[in-house]
Each structure stands twice: as structure tokens, then as C-alpha cells.
Amino acid sequence: MVVDLETTNWLLGVLAVASAVQTLILIGVGIAGYRLYRQLSQTATELESRHVAPLRQQLDGILGDVHRITARVSHQTERVDDAITGTIDRVDETAERVKYSVREQVSRATGIVRGIRAVIASLLTTDSVPKSHAEAGGRL
């Protein structure tokens, strides 16, 4: 019995050619992918140098200004707070002085009025003999 291998050889040849074509296509796709990667990387670098770097410099400048303004506002706020606290302390101190002074003047005036009242009461009494304190009922 003779075996005919011609068909098998022909199919093996087709598989070998298909495998070679697939290998060439994969190599081509790999090369194209690498070129695309390199081009995208170059484009990203150009975009960064043209657009991102100047924007970052502007942003850094703005942030520096914001930091300076924030520090200044904080300093001014502390100054205003100190001024208000000092003013409130002085107002409290002045109010205490005024209260003490008024109380002292009212106390003096009350004493004078009581003294005048006592003098008038003693002049208006008709008794020639002064009554004792117990007999008068403790009244002036």
C-alpha cells in the first residue's frame, strides 16, 4: 500500500505560509505601535513645554500672590483684633472709673442732703427738751 502524502505536504505548505504571513503582520503591527508610541510621547512633550509649563509658571505666581495676601490679611486681622480688645478693655476700665466716681459723688450728695434734713428737722422741732432716741421711736 502506497500512501499519498502530496495533499498533506500541500496543507503543511499552506500552514507554513500562513504562519509566516502572520509573523510578518505581527512584526509590522509591533513596529507601527512603537512608532505611534514614540510620536505620541513626542507630542505630549511638546504640549507640556508649550502649554503646561507656562500655565504652571502662571499658577505658581498666582499661588505666591495668594499666600502673600493671606498672610497680610491674617496679620491685619490680628492687628484689628488687638485694637478692638484694647479698646474694649479701656472702655471697661473707664466705665468702672465713672461708676466709682458717680457712686462717690452720689454718696457725698446723700450725706449732705441727710445733714441738711437733720438740721431742718432739729430747727423745726418745738420741744425744748430733746427726746431720747428710744422715745422718738428711732426716727430722725
Protein backbone atom coordinates (compact mmCIF):
# COMPACT_ATOMS: atom_id res chain seq x y z
CA MET A 1 0.00 0.00 0.00
CA VAL A 2 1.34 3.28 -1.08
CA VAL A 3 0.45 6.34 0.91
CA ASP A 4 -0.03 9.56 -0.96
CA LEU A 5 1.49 12.45 1.08
CA GLU A 6 1.04 15.08 -1.55
CA THR A 7 -2.13 16.50 -0.01
CA THR A 8 -0.60 16.52 3.43
CA ASN A 9 2.51 18.27 2.15
CA TRP A 10 0.38 20.80 0.36
CA LEU A 11 -1.62 21.59 3.54
CA LEU A 12 1.60 21.84 5.56
CA GLY A 13 2.95 24.29 3.00
CA VAL A 14 -0.20 26.43 3.26
CA LEU A 15 0.07 26.42 7.07
CA ALA A 16 3.74 27.43 6.89
CA VAL A 17 2.97 30.32 4.54
CA ALA A 18 0.03 31.44 6.72
CA SER A 19 2.24 31.28 9.79
CA ALA A 20 4.95 33.33 8.05
CA VAL A 21 2.36 35.93 6.94
CA GLN A 22 1.01 36.14 10.50
CA THR A 23 4.51 36.60 11.85
CA LEU A 24 5.19 39.41 9.34
CA ILE A 25 1.87 41.08 10.23
CA LEU A 26 2.69 40.89 13.96
CA ILE A 27 6.14 42.37 13.35
CA GLY A 28 4.52 45.15 11.27
CA VAL A 29 1.94 45.88 13.98
CA GLY A 30 4.72 45.95 16.62
CA ILE A 31 6.77 48.40 14.55
CA ALA A 32 3.70 50.59 13.86
CA GLY A 33 2.79 50.53 17.59
CA TYR A 34 6.31 51.57 18.57
CA ARG A 35 6.30 54.43 16.05
CA LEU A 36 2.87 55.56 17.29
CA TYR A 37 4.10 55.42 20.91
CA ARG A 38 7.19 57.46 20.06
CA GLN A 39 5.11 60.05 18.15
CA LEU A 40 2.57 60.35 20.99
CA SER A 41 5.36 60.70 23.53
CA GLN A 42 6.97 63.47 21.44
CA THR A 43 3.59 65.23 21.05
CA ALA A 44 2.96 65.03 24.81
CA THR A 45 6.41 66.50 25.49
CA GLU A 46 5.77 69.36 23.05
CA LEU A 47 2.37 70.07 24.57
CA GLU A 48 3.87 70.13 28.02
CA SER A 49 6.66 72.50 27.00
CA ARG A 50 4.35 74.82 25.03
CA HIS A 51 1.23 74.91 27.16
CA VAL A 52 1.61 73.24 30.53
CA ALA A 53 4.92 74.82 31.57
CA PRO A 54 3.75 78.44 31.03
CA LEU A 55 0.44 77.69 32.77
CA ARG A 56 2.31 76.16 35.67
CA GLN A 57 4.53 79.23 35.96
CA GLN A 58 1.44 81.46 35.98
CA LEU A 59 -0.21 79.21 38.56
CA ASP A 60 2.89 79.31 40.76
CA GLY A 61 2.85 83.12 40.55
CA ILE A 62 -0.84 83.24 41.44
CA LEU A 63 -0.31 80.87 44.37
CA GLY A 64 2.55 83.04 45.60
CA ASP A 65 0.27 86.09 45.44
CA VAL A 66 -2.46 84.21 47.29
CA HIS A 67 -0.01 83.21 50.02
CA ARG A 68 1.18 86.81 50.41
CA ILE A 69 -2.38 88.16 50.50
CA THR A 70 -3.44 85.51 53.02
CA ALA A 71 -0.51 86.34 55.27
CA ARG A 72 -1.27 90.05 55.04
CA VAL A 73 -4.97 89.54 55.81
CA SER A 74 -4.06 87.33 58.75
CA HIS A 75 -1.67 89.98 60.07
CA GLN A 76 -4.26 92.74 59.63
CA THR A 77 -6.90 90.61 61.33
CA GLU A 78 -4.61 90.13 64.32
CA ARG A 79 -3.98 93.88 64.47
CA VAL A 80 -7.70 94.68 64.32
CA ASP A 81 -8.43 92.06 66.98
CA ASP A 82 -5.74 93.54 69.24
CA ALA A 83 -7.09 97.06 68.67
CA ILE A 84 -10.66 96.02 69.45
CA THR A 85 -9.60 94.09 72.54
CA GLY A 86 -7.57 97.07 73.77
CA THR A 87 -10.47 99.45 73.14
CA ILE A 88 -12.92 97.20 74.95
CA ASP A 89 -10.53 96.94 77.90
CA ARG A 90 -10.19 100.73 78.04
CA VAL A 91 -13.97 101.19 77.82
CA ASP A 92 -14.47 98.70 80.67
CA GLU A 93 -11.85 100.50 82.75
CA THR A 94 -13.42 103.89 82.03
CA ALA A 95 -16.88 102.57 82.89
CA GLU A 96 -15.56 101.31 86.24
CA ARG A 97 -13.96 104.69 86.96
CA VAL A 98 -17.16 106.55 86.04
CA LYS A 99 -19.24 104.17 88.16
CA TYR A 100 -16.93 104.65 91.15
CA SER A 101 -16.86 108.43 90.68
CA VAL A 102 -20.65 108.70 90.34
CA ARG A 103 -21.17 106.43 93.34
CA GLU A 104 -18.79 108.58 95.38
CA GLN A 105 -20.50 111.82 94.31
CA VAL A 106 -23.97 110.39 94.99
CA SER A 107 -22.79 109.20 98.39
CA ARG A 108 -21.48 112.68 99.22
CA ALA A 109 -24.66 114.32 97.96
CA THR A 110 -26.78 111.90 100.00
CA GLY A 111 -24.74 112.68 103.09
CA ILE A 112 -25.15 116.40 102.56
CA VAL A 113 -28.91 116.06 101.99
CA ARG A 114 -29.26 113.94 105.15
CA GLY A 115 -27.26 116.51 107.11
CA ILE A 116 -29.41 119.39 105.83
CA ARG A 117 -32.54 117.37 106.61
CA ALA A 118 -31.31 116.73 110.13
CA VAL A 119 -30.58 120.44 110.65
CA ILE A 120 -34.02 121.42 109.34
CA ALA A 121 -35.68 118.77 111.45
CA SER A 122 -33.85 119.96 114.56
CA LEU A 123 -34.81 123.58 113.88
CA LEU A 124 -38.43 122.73 113.31
CA THR A 125 -38.89 120.72 116.46
CA THR A 126 -40.76 122.67 119.14
CA ASP A 127 -39.68 120.66 122.09
CA SER A 128 -37.14 122.38 124.18
CA VAL A 129 -36.05 119.12 125.76
CA PRO A 130 -34.58 116.70 123.29
CA LYS A 131 -36.17 113.33 123.29
CA SER A 132 -34.11 110.28 123.71
CA HIS A 133 -33.68 108.01 120.79
CA ALA A 134 -35.83 105.31 122.36
CA GLU A 135 -38.72 107.73 122.96
CA ALA A 136 -38.66 109.07 119.43
CA GLY A 137 -39.06 105.58 118.04
CA GLY A 138 -35.78 105.63 116.24
CA ARG A 139 -36.90 108.27 113.74
CA LEU A 140 -34.97 111.30 112.58
